[in-house]
Amino acid sequence: MSGSNPQFHIGDSVTIHGGHHNVGVQHNNGQAGEALPPEIAAMFAQLAAVVAELARDSRVHEEDRQSLTEALPVLRDPASEERRGWRNTLLLLAGVTQSIGEAAAPALGLANQLLALISG
């Protein structure tokens, strides 16, 4: 993302325009099937490629490779998942890749970038 740092708000938003009996909260958790901004879609695709490669790396423990493989469906098709699912998957990846170490640095960096973008 050349020089820009777009933010995408995901979460509750409350707006009150005066008056009485104001009730309600606009929930913005994202729905499965929503179109993704191109920058986020590209980052998910890049992360999926990096994670797929890492899952085949013999230096990675079998248990970690399994966790990486289980994350791939969300990374390959994030539009099929609610945004809460993205966050859960990215948090799992951040933890697993951090424990793997240097071999997983590119995946950890991308996961953290995506988390920052979708967290606003």
C-alpha atoms as a PDB file:
ATOM      1  CA  MET A   1       0.000   0.000   0.000  1.00  0.00           C
ATOM      2  CA  SER A   2       2.041   2.803  -1.360  1.00  0.00           C
ATOM      3  CA  GLY A   3       2.389   5.496   1.252  1.00  0.00           C
ATOM      4  CA  SER A   4      -1.175   5.307   2.476  1.00  0.00           C
ATOM      5  CA  ASN A   5      -2.516   3.722   5.592  1.00  0.00           C
ATOM      6  CA  PRO A   6      -6.249   3.196   5.045  1.00  0.00           C
ATOM      7  CA  GLN A   7      -8.324   2.324   8.061  1.00  0.00           C
ATOM      8  CA  PHE A   8     -11.448   0.187   7.973  1.00  0.00           C
ATOM      9  CA  HIS A   9     -13.791   0.527  10.912  1.00  0.00           C
ATOM     10  CA  ILE A  10     -15.103  -2.793  12.164  1.00  0.00           C
ATOM     11  CA  GLY A  11     -17.132  -2.694  15.310  1.00  0.00           C
ATOM     12  CA  ASP A  12     -19.941  -0.733  16.890  1.00  0.00           C
ATOM     13  CA  SER A  13     -20.681   2.852  15.945  1.00  0.00           C
ATOM     14  CA  VAL A  14     -23.070   5.058  17.896  1.00  0.00           C
ATOM     15  CA  THR A  15     -24.369   8.383  16.593  1.00  0.00           C
ATOM     16  CA  ILE A  16     -26.879  10.521  18.517  1.00  0.00           C
ATOM     17  CA  HIS A  17     -28.512  13.496  16.841  1.00  0.00           C
ATOM     18  CA  GLY A  18     -30.184  15.037  19.897  1.00  0.00           C
ATOM     19  CA  GLY A  19     -33.757  14.418  20.936  1.00  0.00           C
ATOM     20  CA  HIS A  20     -35.146  11.938  23.391  1.00  0.00           C
ATOM     21  CA  HIS A  21     -35.528   8.186  23.512  1.00  0.00           C
ATOM     22  CA  ASN A  22     -32.388   7.524  21.483  1.00  0.00           C
ATOM     23  CA  VAL A  23     -31.930   3.797  21.337  1.00  0.00           C
ATOM     24  CA  GLY A  24     -29.963   1.408  19.205  1.00  0.00           C
ATOM     25  CA  VAL A  25     -26.443   0.670  18.176  1.00  0.00           C
ATOM     26  CA  GLN A  26     -25.246   0.163  14.631  1.00  0.00           C
ATOM     27  CA  HIS A  27     -23.312  -3.094  14.623  1.00  0.00           C
ATOM     28  CA  ASN A  28     -20.641  -3.240  11.935  1.00  0.00           C
ATOM     29  CA  ASN A  29     -19.137  -6.686  12.356  1.00  0.00           C
ATOM     30  CA  GLY A  30     -19.089  -7.494   8.666  1.00  0.00           C
ATOM     31  CA  GLN A  31     -21.031 -10.250   7.026  1.00  0.00           C
ATOM     32  CA  ALA A  32     -19.825 -13.279   5.143  1.00  0.00           C
ATOM     33  CA  GLY A  33     -20.034 -12.628   1.420  1.00  0.00           C
ATOM     34  CA  GLU A  34     -19.256  -8.897   1.636  1.00  0.00           C
ATOM     35  CA  ALA A  35     -16.860  -7.513  -0.937  1.00  0.00           C
ATOM     36  CA  LEU A  36     -13.438  -6.788   0.519  1.00  0.00           C
ATOM     37  CA  PRO A  37     -11.461  -3.637  -0.192  1.00  0.00           C
ATOM     38  CA  PRO A  38      -8.842  -4.585  -2.835  1.00  0.00           C
ATOM     39  CA  GLU A  39      -5.924  -3.796  -0.508  1.00  0.00           C
ATOM     40  CA  ILE A  40      -7.191  -6.189   2.141  1.00  0.00           C
ATOM     41  CA  ALA A  41      -8.025  -8.899  -0.389  1.00  0.00           C
ATOM     42  CA  ALA A  42      -4.475  -8.638  -1.798  1.00  0.00           C
ATOM     43  CA  MET A  43      -2.929  -8.879   1.661  1.00  0.00           C
ATOM     44  CA  PHE A  44      -5.004 -11.956   2.502  1.00  0.00           C
ATOM     45  CA  ALA A  45      -3.899 -13.583  -0.779  1.00  0.00           C
ATOM     46  CA  GLN A  46      -0.260 -12.773  -0.048  1.00  0.00           C
ATOM     47  CA  LEU A  47      -0.565 -14.108   3.501  1.00  0.00           C
ATOM     48  CA  ALA A  48      -2.221 -17.297   2.225  1.00  0.00           C
ATOM     49  CA  ALA A  49       0.722 -17.919  -0.123  1.00  0.00           C
ATOM     50  CA  VAL A  50       3.283 -17.304   2.632  1.00  0.00           C
ATOM     51  CA  VAL A  51       1.414 -19.502   5.132  1.00  0.00           C
ATOM     52  CA  ALA A  52       0.993 -22.328   2.584  1.00  0.00           C
ATOM     53  CA  GLU A  53       4.736 -22.299   1.967  1.00  0.00           C
ATOM     54  CA  LEU A  54       5.466 -22.199   5.699  1.00  0.00           C
ATOM     55  CA  ALA A  55       3.112 -25.140   6.301  1.00  0.00           C
ATOM     56  CA  ARG A  56       5.342 -27.222   4.002  1.00  0.00           C
ATOM     57  CA  ASP A  57       8.564 -26.150   5.709  1.00  0.00           C
ATOM     58  CA  SER A  58      10.235 -29.111   7.420  1.00  0.00           C
ATOM     59  CA  ARG A  59      11.702 -26.817  10.097  1.00  0.00           C
ATOM     60  CA  VAL A  60       8.189 -26.173  11.423  1.00  0.00           C
ATOM     61  CA  HIS A  61       6.820 -28.633  13.981  1.00  0.00           C
ATOM     62  CA  GLU A  62       3.971 -30.860  12.813  1.00  0.00           C
ATOM     63  CA  GLU A  63       1.480 -29.324  15.258  1.00  0.00           C
ATOM     64  CA  ASP A  64       2.273 -25.819  14.008  1.00  0.00           C
ATOM     65  CA  ARG A  65       2.044 -26.948  10.369  1.00  0.00           C
ATOM     66  CA  GLN A  66      -1.419 -28.316  11.119  1.00  0.00           C
ATOM     67  CA  SER A  67      -2.518 -24.993  12.654  1.00  0.00           C
ATOM     68  CA  LEU A  68      -1.174 -23.125   9.638  1.00  0.00           C
ATOM     69  CA  THR A  69      -3.014 -25.465   7.253  1.00  0.00           C
ATOM     70  CA  GLU A  70      -6.262 -25.033   9.193  1.00  0.00           C
ATOM     71  CA  ALA A  71      -6.019 -21.245   8.758  1.00  0.00           C
ATOM     72  CA  LEU A  72      -5.690 -21.433   4.971  1.00  0.00           C
ATOM     73  CA  PRO A  73      -9.414 -21.598   4.041  1.00  0.00           C
ATOM     74  CA  VAL A  74     -10.081 -18.231   5.731  1.00  0.00           C
ATOM     75  CA  LEU A  75      -6.953 -16.698   4.200  1.00  0.00           C
ATOM     76  CA  ARG A  76      -7.778 -17.955   0.708  1.00  0.00           C
ATOM     77  CA  ASP A  77     -11.418 -16.900   0.823  1.00  0.00           C
ATOM     78  CA  PRO A  78     -11.874 -14.250   3.516  1.00  0.00           C
ATOM     79  CA  ALA A  79     -15.168 -13.070   1.980  1.00  0.00           C
ATOM     80  CA  SER A  80     -16.715 -16.391   3.019  1.00  0.00           C
ATOM     81  CA  GLU A  81     -16.062 -15.581   6.675  1.00  0.00           C
ATOM     82  CA  GLU A  82     -17.347 -12.855   8.977  1.00  0.00           C
ATOM     83  CA  ARG A  83     -14.765 -10.286   9.982  1.00  0.00           C
ATOM     84  CA  ARG A  84     -14.693 -11.679  13.526  1.00  0.00           C
ATOM     85  CA  GLY A  85     -13.446 -14.918  11.947  1.00  0.00           C
ATOM     86  CA  TRP A  86     -10.668 -12.999  10.187  1.00  0.00           C
ATOM     87  CA  ARG A  87      -9.539 -11.557  13.500  1.00  0.00           C
ATOM     88  CA  ASN A  88      -9.594 -14.939  15.222  1.00  0.00           C
ATOM     89  CA  THR A  89      -7.618 -16.531  12.389  1.00  0.00           C
ATOM     90  CA  LEU A  90      -5.079 -13.701  12.308  1.00  0.00           C
ATOM     91  CA  LEU A  91      -4.608 -13.815  16.079  1.00  0.00           C
ATOM     92  CA  LEU A  92      -4.042 -17.571  15.895  1.00  0.00           C
ATOM     93  CA  LEU A  93      -1.528 -17.058  13.086  1.00  0.00           C
ATOM     94  CA  ALA A  94       0.280 -14.323  14.999  1.00  0.00           C
ATOM     95  CA  GLY A  95       0.692 -16.636  17.969  1.00  0.00           C
ATOM     96  CA  VAL A  96       1.773 -19.664  15.947  1.00  0.00           C
ATOM     97  CA  THR A  97       4.176 -17.732  13.736  1.00  0.00           C
ATOM     98  CA  GLN A  98       5.720 -15.975  16.710  1.00  0.00           C
ATOM     99  CA  SER A  99       6.437 -19.335  18.328  1.00  0.00           C
ATOM    100  CA  ILE A 100       7.936 -20.688  15.091  1.00  0.00           C
ATOM    101  CA  GLY A 101      10.518 -17.932  14.993  1.00  0.00           C
ATOM    102  CA  GLU A 102      12.551 -16.411  12.187  1.00  0.00           C
ATOM    103  CA  ALA A 103      11.278 -18.727   9.438  1.00  0.00           C
ATOM    104  CA  ALA A 104       7.793 -17.326  10.026  1.00  0.00           C
ATOM    105  CA  ALA A 105       8.736 -13.626  10.184  1.00  0.00           C
ATOM    106  CA  PRO A 106       7.081 -12.715   6.835  1.00  0.00           C
ATOM    107  CA  ALA A 107       3.805 -14.386   7.874  1.00  0.00           C
ATOM    108  CA  LEU A 108       3.888 -12.721  11.295  1.00  0.00           C
ATOM    109  CA  GLY A 109       4.474  -9.318   9.714  1.00  0.00           C
ATOM    110  CA  LEU A 110       1.564  -9.708   7.283  1.00  0.00           C
ATOM    111  CA  ALA A 111      -0.767 -11.048   9.981  1.00  0.00           C
ATOM    112  CA  ASN A 112       0.056  -8.072  12.216  1.00  0.00           C
ATOM    113  CA  GLN A 113      -0.466  -5.602   9.348  1.00  0.00           C
ATOM    114  CA  LEU A 114      -3.872  -7.106   8.576  1.00  0.00           C
ATOM    115  CA  LEU A 115      -4.842  -7.061  12.248  1.00  0.00           C
ATOM    116  CA  ALA A 116      -3.951  -3.366  12.421  1.00  0.00           C
ATOM    117  CA  LEU A 117      -5.992  -2.597   9.313  1.00  0.00           C
ATOM    118  CA  ILE A 118      -9.128  -4.436  10.330  1.00  0.00           C
ATOM    119  CA  SER A 119      -8.969  -3.225  13.916  1.00  0.00           C
ATOM    120  CA  GLY A 120      -9.035   0.416  12.841  1.00  0.00           C
END
